[in-house]
Amino acid sequence: MKKDKLTPPIEDDLRPEYRREDLGKGVRGKYYEAYTKGTNLVLLSPDVATAFPTADSVNEALRSLIKVAQASTRRPRQPKTLS
């Protein structure tokens, strides 16, 4: 394959090694607000986290709770009256 003579060569501006001082001061929580807007992240208490160790187990328990809550708040069907 021939090199294109019109394309300038790519200059490598990466250093072989970086020091921490070269990167500047880090900012704690710099992207926290933007991250929380794009997700529904919830922090579980330690006792709850031991009962539900995975995201799937939490989701399954919450779905079950939603079904129970919806079933208990629905109005019972009223029988049709003959008039």
PDB file of N, CA and C in Angstrom:
ATOM      1  N   MET A   1       0.843  -1.173   0.000  1.00  0.00           N
ATOM      2  CA  MET A   1       0.000   0.000   0.000  1.00  0.00           C
ATOM      3  C   MET A   1       0.888   1.237   0.000  1.00  0.00           C
ATOM      4  N   LYS A   2       0.620   2.172  -0.888  1.00  0.00           N
ATOM      5  CA  LYS A   2       1.423   3.385  -0.998  1.00  0.00           C
ATOM      6  C   LYS A   2       0.930   4.427  -0.010  1.00  0.00           C
ATOM      7  N   LYS A   3       1.868   5.191   0.513  1.00  0.00           N
ATOM      8  CA  LYS A   3       1.503   6.273   1.419  1.00  0.00           C
ATOM      9  C   LYS A   3       1.044   7.468   0.592  1.00  0.00           C
ATOM     10  N   ASP A   4       0.049   8.134   1.091  1.00  0.00           N
ATOM     11  CA  ASP A   4      -0.470   9.313   0.420  1.00  0.00           C
ATOM     12  C   ASP A   4       0.481  10.468   0.687  1.00  0.00           C
ATOM     13  N   LYS A   5       1.013  11.061  -0.359  1.00  0.00           N
ATOM     14  CA  LYS A   5       1.981  12.151  -0.202  1.00  0.00           C
ATOM     15  C   LYS A   5       1.306  13.443   0.239  1.00  0.00           C
ATOM     16  N   LEU A   6      -0.016  13.540   0.077  1.00  0.00           N
ATOM     17  CA  LEU A   6      -0.719  14.757   0.454  1.00  0.00           C
ATOM     18  C   LEU A   6      -1.043  14.793   1.955  1.00  0.00           C
ATOM     19  N   THR A   7      -1.079  13.655   2.606  1.00  0.00           N
ATOM     20  CA  THR A   7      -1.408  13.591   4.023  1.00  0.00           C
ATOM     21  C   THR A   7      -0.142  13.825   4.839  1.00  0.00           C
ATOM     22  N   PRO A   8      -0.174  14.836   5.718  1.00  0.00           N
ATOM     23  CA  PRO A   8       1.027  15.082   6.529  1.00  0.00           C
ATOM     24  C   PRO A   8       1.209  13.965   7.555  1.00  0.00           C
ATOM     25  N   PRO A   9       2.432  13.699   7.944  1.00  0.00           N
ATOM     26  CA  PRO A   9       2.658  12.639   8.934  1.00  0.00           C
ATOM     27  C   PRO A   9       2.079  13.042  10.292  1.00  0.00           C
ATOM     28  N   ILE A  10       1.613  12.055  11.056  1.00  0.00           N
ATOM     29  CA  ILE A  10       1.028  12.297  12.372  1.00  0.00           C
ATOM     30  C   ILE A  10       2.151  12.475  13.383  1.00  0.00           C
ATOM     31  N   GLU A  11       2.066  13.573  14.128  1.00  0.00           N
ATOM     32  CA  GLU A  11       3.079  13.816  15.145  1.00  0.00           C
ATOM     33  C   GLU A  11       2.631  13.191  16.459  1.00  0.00           C
ATOM     34  N   ASP A  12       3.517  12.468  17.086  1.00  0.00           N
ATOM     35  CA  ASP A  12       3.223  11.821  18.357  1.00  0.00           C
ATOM     36  C   ASP A  12       3.606  12.770  19.481  1.00  0.00           C
ATOM     37  N   ASP A  13       2.598  13.330  20.164  1.00  0.00           N
ATOM     38  CA  ASP A  13       2.889  14.270  21.238  1.00  0.00           C
ATOM     39  C   ASP A  13       2.762  13.626  22.618  1.00  0.00           C
ATOM     40  N   LEU A  14       2.637  12.303  22.664  1.00  0.00           N
ATOM     41  CA  LEU A  14       2.570  11.603  23.937  1.00  0.00           C
ATOM     42  C   LEU A  14       3.977  11.408  24.500  1.00  0.00           C
ATOM     43  N   ARG A  15       4.081  11.575  25.779  1.00  0.00           N
ATOM     44  CA  ARG A  15       5.367  11.355  26.444  1.00  0.00           C
ATOM     45  C   ARG A  15       5.489   9.875  26.805  1.00  0.00           C
ATOM     46  N   PRO A  16       6.695   9.395  26.957  1.00  0.00           N
ATOM     47  CA  PRO A  16       6.843   7.996  27.376  1.00  0.00           C
ATOM     48  C   PRO A  16       6.384   7.775  28.816  1.00  0.00           C
ATOM     49  N   GLU A  17       6.394   8.834  29.625  1.00  0.00           N
ATOM     50  CA  GLU A  17       5.984   8.715  31.022  1.00  0.00           C
ATOM     51  C   GLU A  17       5.445  10.059  31.500  1.00  0.00           C
ATOM     52  N   TYR A  18       4.415  10.002  32.357  1.00  0.00           N
ATOM     53  CA  TYR A  18       3.831  11.211  32.927  1.00  0.00           C
ATOM     54  C   TYR A  18       3.996  11.175  34.443  1.00  0.00           C
ATOM     55  N   ARG A  19       4.204  12.356  35.020  1.00  0.00           N
ATOM     56  CA  ARG A  19       4.232  12.482  36.474  1.00  0.00           C
ATOM     57  C   ARG A  19       2.910  13.079  36.926  1.00  0.00           C
ATOM     58  N   ARG A  20       2.519  12.810  38.152  1.00  0.00           N
ATOM     59  CA  ARG A  20       1.254  13.306  38.702  1.00  0.00           C
ATOM     60  C   ARG A  20       1.191  14.828  38.657  1.00  0.00           C
ATOM     61  N   GLU A  21       2.304  15.470  38.910  1.00  0.00           N
ATOM     62  CA  GLU A  21       2.339  16.944  38.912  1.00  0.00           C
ATOM     63  C   GLU A  21       2.037  17.527  37.529  1.00  0.00           C
ATOM     64  N   ASP A  22       2.328  16.772  36.486  1.00  0.00           N
ATOM     65  CA  ASP A  22       2.105  17.258  35.115  1.00  0.00           C
ATOM     66  C   ASP A  22       0.620  17.290  34.749  1.00  0.00           C
ATOM     67  N   LEU A  23      -0.206  16.551  35.485  1.00  0.00           N
ATOM     68  CA  LEU A  23      -1.614  16.432  35.136  1.00  0.00           C
ATOM     69  C   LEU A  23      -2.485  17.512  35.760  1.00  0.00           C
ATOM     70  N   GLY A  24      -1.957  18.281  36.692  1.00  0.00           N
ATOM     71  CA  GLY A  24      -2.736  19.340  37.326  1.00  0.00           C
ATOM     72  C   GLY A  24      -3.495  18.841  38.535  1.00  0.00           C
ATOM     73  N   LYS A  25      -4.213  19.756  39.161  1.00  0.00           N
ATOM     74  CA  LYS A  25      -4.963  19.429  40.369  1.00  0.00           C
ATOM     75  C   LYS A  25      -6.260  18.714  39.999  1.00  0.00           C
ATOM     76  N   GLY A  26      -6.534  17.602  40.663  1.00  0.00           N
ATOM     77  CA  GLY A  26      -7.780  16.874  40.444  1.00  0.00           C
ATOM     78  C   GLY A  26      -8.920  17.521  41.209  1.00  0.00           C
ATOM     79  N   VAL A  27     -10.115  17.411  40.683  1.00  0.00           N
ATOM     80  CA  VAL A  27     -11.296  17.986  41.318  1.00  0.00           C
ATOM     81  C   VAL A  27     -12.211  16.845  41.721  1.00  0.00           C
ATOM     82  N   ARG A  28     -12.465  16.728  43.023  1.00  0.00           N
ATOM     83  CA  ARG A  28     -13.314  15.650  43.520  1.00  0.00           C
ATOM     84  C   ARG A  28     -14.777  15.915  43.138  1.00  0.00           C
ATOM     85  N   GLY A  29     -15.436  14.925  42.568  1.00  0.00           N
ATOM     86  CA  GLY A  29     -16.839  15.048  42.208  1.00  0.00           C
ATOM     87  C   GLY A  29     -17.086  15.924  40.995  1.00  0.00           C
ATOM     88  N   LYS A  30     -16.110  16.075  40.154  1.00  0.00           N
ATOM     89  CA  LYS A  30     -16.222  16.968  38.993  1.00  0.00           C
ATOM     90  C   LYS A  30     -17.401  16.595  38.087  1.00  0.00           C
ATOM     91  N   TYR A  31     -17.646  15.321  37.911  1.00  0.00           N
ATOM     92  CA  TYR A  31     -18.709  14.865  37.016  1.00  0.00           C
ATOM     93  C   TYR A  31     -19.907  14.291  37.766  1.00  0.00           C
ATOM     94  N   TYR A  32     -19.952  14.469  39.074  1.00  0.00           N
ATOM     95  CA  TYR A  32     -21.002  13.860  39.895  1.00  0.00           C
ATOM     96  C   TYR A  32     -22.403  14.315  39.480  1.00  0.00           C
ATOM     97  N   GLU A  33     -22.602  15.607  39.334  1.00  0.00           N
ATOM     98  CA  GLU A  33     -23.939  16.135  39.010  1.00  0.00           C
ATOM     99  C   GLU A  33     -24.415  15.634  37.648  1.00  0.00           C
ATOM    100  N   ALA A  34     -23.536  15.657  36.668  1.00  0.00           N
ATOM    101  CA  ALA A  34     -23.908  15.176  35.335  1.00  0.00           C
ATOM    102  C   ALA A  34     -24.206  13.684  35.364  1.00  0.00           C
ATOM    103  N   TYR A  35     -23.465  12.935  36.154  1.00  0.00           N
ATOM    104  CA  TYR A  35     -23.692  11.493  36.237  1.00  0.00           C
ATOM    105  C   TYR A  35     -25.035  11.176  36.882  1.00  0.00           C
ATOM    106  N   THR A  36     -25.383  11.894  37.932  1.00  0.00           N
ATOM    107  CA  THR A  36     -26.642  11.606  38.611  1.00  0.00           C
ATOM    108  C   THR A  36     -27.845  11.987  37.765  1.00  0.00           C
ATOM    109  N   LYS A  37     -27.692  12.905  36.841  1.00  0.00           N
ATOM    110  CA  LYS A  37     -28.807  13.244  35.952  1.00  0.00           C
ATOM    111  C   LYS A  37     -29.076  12.132  34.951  1.00  0.00           C
ATOM    112  N   GLY A  38     -28.050  11.366  34.606  1.00  0.00           N
ATOM    113  CA  GLY A  38     -28.203  10.343  33.584  1.00  0.00           C
ATOM    114  C   GLY A  38     -28.444   8.950  34.131  1.00  0.00           C
ATOM    115  N   THR A  39     -28.612   8.829  35.421  1.00  0.00           N
ATOM    116  CA  THR A  39     -28.799   7.506  36.002  1.00  0.00           C
ATOM    117  C   THR A  39     -29.745   7.585  37.185  1.00  0.00           C
ATOM    118  N   ASN A  40     -30.180   6.448  37.633  1.00  0.00           N
ATOM    119  CA  ASN A  40     -31.063   6.380  38.780  1.00  0.00           C
ATOM    120  C   ASN A  40     -30.337   5.603  39.878  1.00  0.00           C
ATOM    121  N   LEU A  41     -29.171   6.092  40.246  1.00  0.00           N
ATOM    122  CA  LEU A  41     -28.303   5.438  41.208  1.00  0.00           C
ATOM    123  C   LEU A  41     -28.823   5.653  42.610  1.00  0.00           C
ATOM    124  N   VAL A  42     -28.894   4.570  43.392  1.00  0.00           N
ATOM    125  CA  VAL A  42     -29.395   4.640  44.759  1.00  0.00           C
ATOM    126  C   VAL A  42     -28.379   3.965  45.671  1.00  0.00           C
ATOM    127  N   LEU A  43     -28.079   4.600  46.786  1.00  0.00           N
ATOM    128  CA  LEU A  43     -27.163   4.023  47.757  1.00  0.00           C
ATOM    129  C   LEU A  43     -27.961   3.238  48.790  1.00  0.00           C
ATOM    130  N   LEU A  44     -27.640   1.946  48.923  1.00  0.00           N
ATOM    131  CA  LEU A  44     -28.351   1.096  49.876  1.00  0.00           C
ATOM    132  C   LEU A  44     -27.656   1.133  51.229  1.00  0.00           C
ATOM    133  N   SER A  45     -28.436   1.054  52.283  1.00  0.00           N
ATOM    134  CA  SER A  45     -27.875   0.936  53.620  1.00  0.00           C
ATOM    135  C   SER A  45     -27.174  -0.418  53.727  1.00  0.00           C
ATOM    136  N   PRO A  46     -26.173  -0.531  54.590  1.00  0.00           N
ATOM    137  CA  PRO A  46     -25.415  -1.786  54.681  1.00  0.00           C
ATOM    138  C   PRO A  46     -26.279  -3.010  54.979  1.00  0.00           C
ATOM    139  N   ASP A  47     -27.283  -2.875  55.843  1.00  0.00           N
ATOM    140  CA  ASP A  47     -28.121  -4.019  56.164  1.00  0.00           C
ATOM    141  C   ASP A  47     -28.975  -4.454  54.966  1.00  0.00           C
ATOM    142  N   VAL A  48     -29.415  -3.493  54.173  1.00  0.00           N
ATOM    143  CA  VAL A  48     -30.197  -3.810  52.975  1.00  0.00           C
ATOM    144  C   VAL A  48     -29.291  -4.433  51.914  1.00  0.00           C
ATOM    145  N   ALA A  49     -28.073  -3.918  51.802  1.00  0.00           N
ATOM    146  CA  ALA A  49     -27.127  -4.442  50.808  1.00  0.00           C
ATOM    147  C   ALA A  49     -26.754  -5.888  51.087  1.00  0.00           C
ATOM    148  N   THR A  50     -26.733  -6.293  52.350  1.00  0.00           N
ATOM    149  CA  THR A  50     -26.436  -7.702  52.645  1.00  0.00           C
ATOM    150  C   THR A  50     -27.607  -8.603  52.261  1.00  0.00           C
ATOM    151  N   ALA A  51     -28.825  -8.088  52.379  1.00  0.00           N
ATOM    152  CA  ALA A  51     -30.002  -8.882  52.003  1.00  0.00           C
ATOM    153  C   ALA A  51     -30.165  -8.959  50.490  1.00  0.00           C
ATOM    154  N   PHE A  52     -29.737  -7.928  49.792  1.00  0.00           N
ATOM    155  CA  PHE A  52     -29.861  -7.866  48.338  1.00  0.00           C
ATOM    156  C   PHE A  52     -28.487  -7.551  47.741  1.00  0.00           C
ATOM    157  N   PRO A  53     -27.650  -8.556  47.536  1.00  0.00           N
ATOM    158  CA  PRO A  53     -26.273  -8.318  47.112  1.00  0.00           C
ATOM    159  C   PRO A  53     -26.095  -7.931  45.643  1.00  0.00           C
ATOM    160  N   THR A  54     -27.113  -8.144  44.807  1.00  0.00           N
ATOM    161  CA  THR A  54     -26.969  -7.827  43.381  1.00  0.00           C
ATOM    162  C   THR A  54     -28.094  -6.896  42.936  1.00  0.00           C
ATOM    163  N   ALA A  55     -27.865  -6.227  41.829  1.00  0.00           N
ATOM    164  CA  ALA A  55     -28.886  -5.344  41.261  1.00  0.00           C
ATOM    165  C   ALA A  55     -30.123  -6.148  40.860  1.00  0.00           C
ATOM    166  N   ASP A  56     -29.907  -7.345  40.354  1.00  0.00           N
ATOM    167  CA  ASP A  56     -31.040  -8.189  39.952  1.00  0.00           C
ATOM    168  C   ASP A  56     -31.925  -8.546  41.139  1.00  0.00           C
ATOM    169  N   SER A  57     -31.312  -8.834  42.290  1.00  0.00           N
ATOM    170  CA  SER A  57     -32.114  -9.188  43.462  1.00  0.00           C
ATOM    171  C   SER A  57     -32.915  -7.991  43.972  1.00  0.00           C
ATOM    172  N   VAL A  58     -32.339  -6.805  43.881  1.00  0.00           N
ATOM    173  CA  VAL A  58     -33.067  -5.597  44.281  1.00  0.00           C
ATOM    174  C   VAL A  58     -34.235  -5.358  43.338  1.00  0.00           C
ATOM    175  N   ASN A  59     -33.980  -5.466  42.043  1.00  0.00           N
ATOM    176  CA  ASN A  59     -35.041  -5.242  41.056  1.00  0.00           C
ATOM    177  C   ASN A  59     -36.174  -6.248  41.199  1.00  0.00           C
ATOM    178  N   GLU A  60     -35.840  -7.498  41.445  1.00  0.00           N
ATOM    179  CA  GLU A  60     -36.867  -8.530  41.616  1.00  0.00           C
ATOM    180  C   GLU A  60     -37.740  -8.238  42.838  1.00  0.00           C
ATOM    181  N   ALA A  61     -37.107  -7.848  43.936  1.00  0.00           N
ATOM    182  CA  ALA A  61     -37.864  -7.537  45.154  1.00  0.00           C
ATOM    183  C   ALA A  61     -38.764  -6.315  44.948  1.00  0.00           C
ATOM    184  N   LEU A  62     -38.250  -5.298  44.273  1.00  0.00           N
ATOM    185  CA  LEU A  62     -39.057  -4.098  44.038  1.00  0.00           C
ATOM    186  C   LEU A  62     -40.225  -4.383  43.097  1.00  0.00           C
ATOM    187  N   ARG A  63     -39.995  -5.206  42.086  1.00  0.00           N
ATOM    188  CA  ARG A  63     -41.101  -5.558  41.180  1.00  0.00           C
ATOM    189  C   ARG A  63     -42.199  -6.313  41.923  1.00  0.00           C
ATOM    190  N   SER A  64     -41.798  -7.203  42.819  1.00  0.00           N
ATOM    191  CA  SER A  64     -42.788  -7.933  43.627  1.00  0.00           C
ATOM    192  C   SER A  64     -43.575  -6.977  44.509  1.00  0.00           C
ATOM    193  N   LEU A  65     -42.884  -6.022  45.092  1.00  0.00           N
ATOM    194  CA  LEU A  65     -43.544  -5.037  45.947  1.00  0.00           C
ATOM    195  C   LEU A  65     -44.507  -4.169  45.145  1.00  0.00           C
ATOM    196  N   ILE A  66     -44.137  -3.811  43.940  1.00  0.00           N
ATOM    197  CA  ILE A  66     -45.016  -3.019  43.074  1.00  0.00           C
ATOM    198  C   ILE A  66     -46.292  -3.795  42.760  1.00  0.00           C
ATOM    199  N   LYS A  67     -46.160  -5.088  42.447  1.00  0.00           N
ATOM    200  CA  LYS A  67     -47.343  -5.911  42.148  1.00  0.00           C
ATOM    201  C   LYS A  67     -48.279  -5.988  43.350  1.00  0.00           C
ATOM    202  N   VAL A  68     -47.719  -6.184  44.535  1.00  0.00           N
ATOM    203  CA  VAL A  68     -48.542  -6.256  45.747  1.00  0.00           C
ATOM    204  C   VAL A  68     -49.245  -4.931  45.994  1.00  0.00           C
ATOM    205  N   ALA A  69     -48.504  -3.829  45.839  1.00  0.00           N
ATOM    206  CA  ALA A  69     -49.093  -2.506  46.075  1.00  0.00           C
ATOM    207  C   ALA A  69     -50.199  -2.206  45.073  1.00  0.00           C
ATOM    208  N   GLN A  70     -49.975  -2.548  43.814  1.00  0.00           N
ATOM    209  CA  GLN A  70     -51.004  -2.309  42.800  1.00  0.00           C
ATOM    210  C   GLN A  70     -52.234  -3.177  43.042  1.00  0.00           C
ATOM    211  N   ALA A  71     -52.032  -4.389  43.441  1.00  0.00           N
ATOM    212  CA  ALA A  71     -53.165  -5.291  43.685  1.00  0.00           C
ATOM    213  C   ALA A  71     -53.983  -4.832  44.885  1.00  0.00           C
ATOM    214  N   SER A  72     -53.343  -4.266  45.891  1.00  0.00           N
ATOM    215  CA  SER A  72     -54.067  -3.867  47.092  1.00  0.00           C
ATOM    216  C   SER A  72     -54.768  -2.518  46.932  1.00  0.00           C
ATOM    217  N   THR A  73     -54.366  -1.723  45.954  1.00  0.00           N
ATOM    218  CA  THR A  73     -54.995  -0.415  45.786  1.00  0.00           C
ATOM    219  C   THR A  73     -56.077  -0.401  44.712  1.00  0.00           C
ATOM    220  N   ARG A  74     -56.207  -1.472  43.954  1.00  0.00           N
ATOM    221  CA  ARG A  74     -57.250  -1.527  42.932  1.00  0.00           C
ATOM    222  C   ARG A  74     -58.604  -1.701  43.592  1.00  0.00           C
ATOM    223  N   ARG A  75     -59.583  -1.068  43.011  1.00  0.00           N
ATOM    224  CA  ARG A  75     -60.946  -1.238  43.514  1.00  0.00           C
ATOM    225  C   ARG A  75     -61.467  -2.594  43.086  1.00  0.00           C
ATOM    226  N   PRO A  76     -62.162  -3.261  43.966  1.00  0.00           N
ATOM    227  CA  PRO A  76     -62.751  -4.544  43.555  1.00  0.00           C
ATOM    228  C   PRO A  76     -63.844  -4.296  42.520  1.00  0.00           C
ATOM    229  N   ARG A  77     -63.996  -5.241  41.615  1.00  0.00           N
ATOM    230  CA  ARG A  77     -65.027  -5.106  40.577  1.00  0.00           C
ATOM    231  C   ARG A  77     -66.401  -5.195  41.202  1.00  0.00           C
ATOM    232  N   GLN A  78     -67.237  -4.275  40.817  1.00  0.00           N
ATOM    233  CA  GLN A  78     -68.609  -4.266  41.313  1.00  0.00           C
ATOM    234  C   GLN A  78     -69.442  -5.148  40.379  1.00  0.00           C
ATOM    235  N   PRO A  79     -70.245  -6.035  40.936  1.00  0.00           N
ATOM    236  CA  PRO A  79     -71.092  -6.871  40.073  1.00  0.00           C
ATOM    237  C   PRO A  79     -72.122  -5.998  39.345  1.00  0.00           C
ATOM    238  N   LYS A  80     -72.397  -6.395  38.106  1.00  0.00           N
ATOM    239  CA  LYS A  80     -73.379  -5.647  37.332  1.00  0.00           C
ATOM    240  C   LYS A  80     -74.765  -5.936  37.893  1.00  0.00           C
ATOM    241  N   THR A  81     -75.554  -4.896  37.984  1.00  0.00           N
ATOM    242  CA  THR A  81     -76.929  -5.075  38.459  1.00  0.00           C
ATOM    243  C   THR A  81     -77.873  -5.128  37.283  1.00  0.00           C
ATOM    244  N   LEU A  82     -78.861  -5.964  37.398  1.00  0.00           N
ATOM    245  CA  LEU A  82     -79.854  -6.068  36.337  1.00  0.00           C
ATOM    246  C   LEU A  82     -80.973  -5.055  36.602  1.00  0.00           C
ATOM    247  N   SER A  83     -81.230  -4.197  35.679  1.00  0.00           N
ATOM    248  CA  SER A  83     -82.317  -3.237  35.890  1.00  0.00           C
ATOM    249  C   SER A  83     -83.391  -3.400  34.871  1.00  0.00           C
TER     250      SER A  83
END
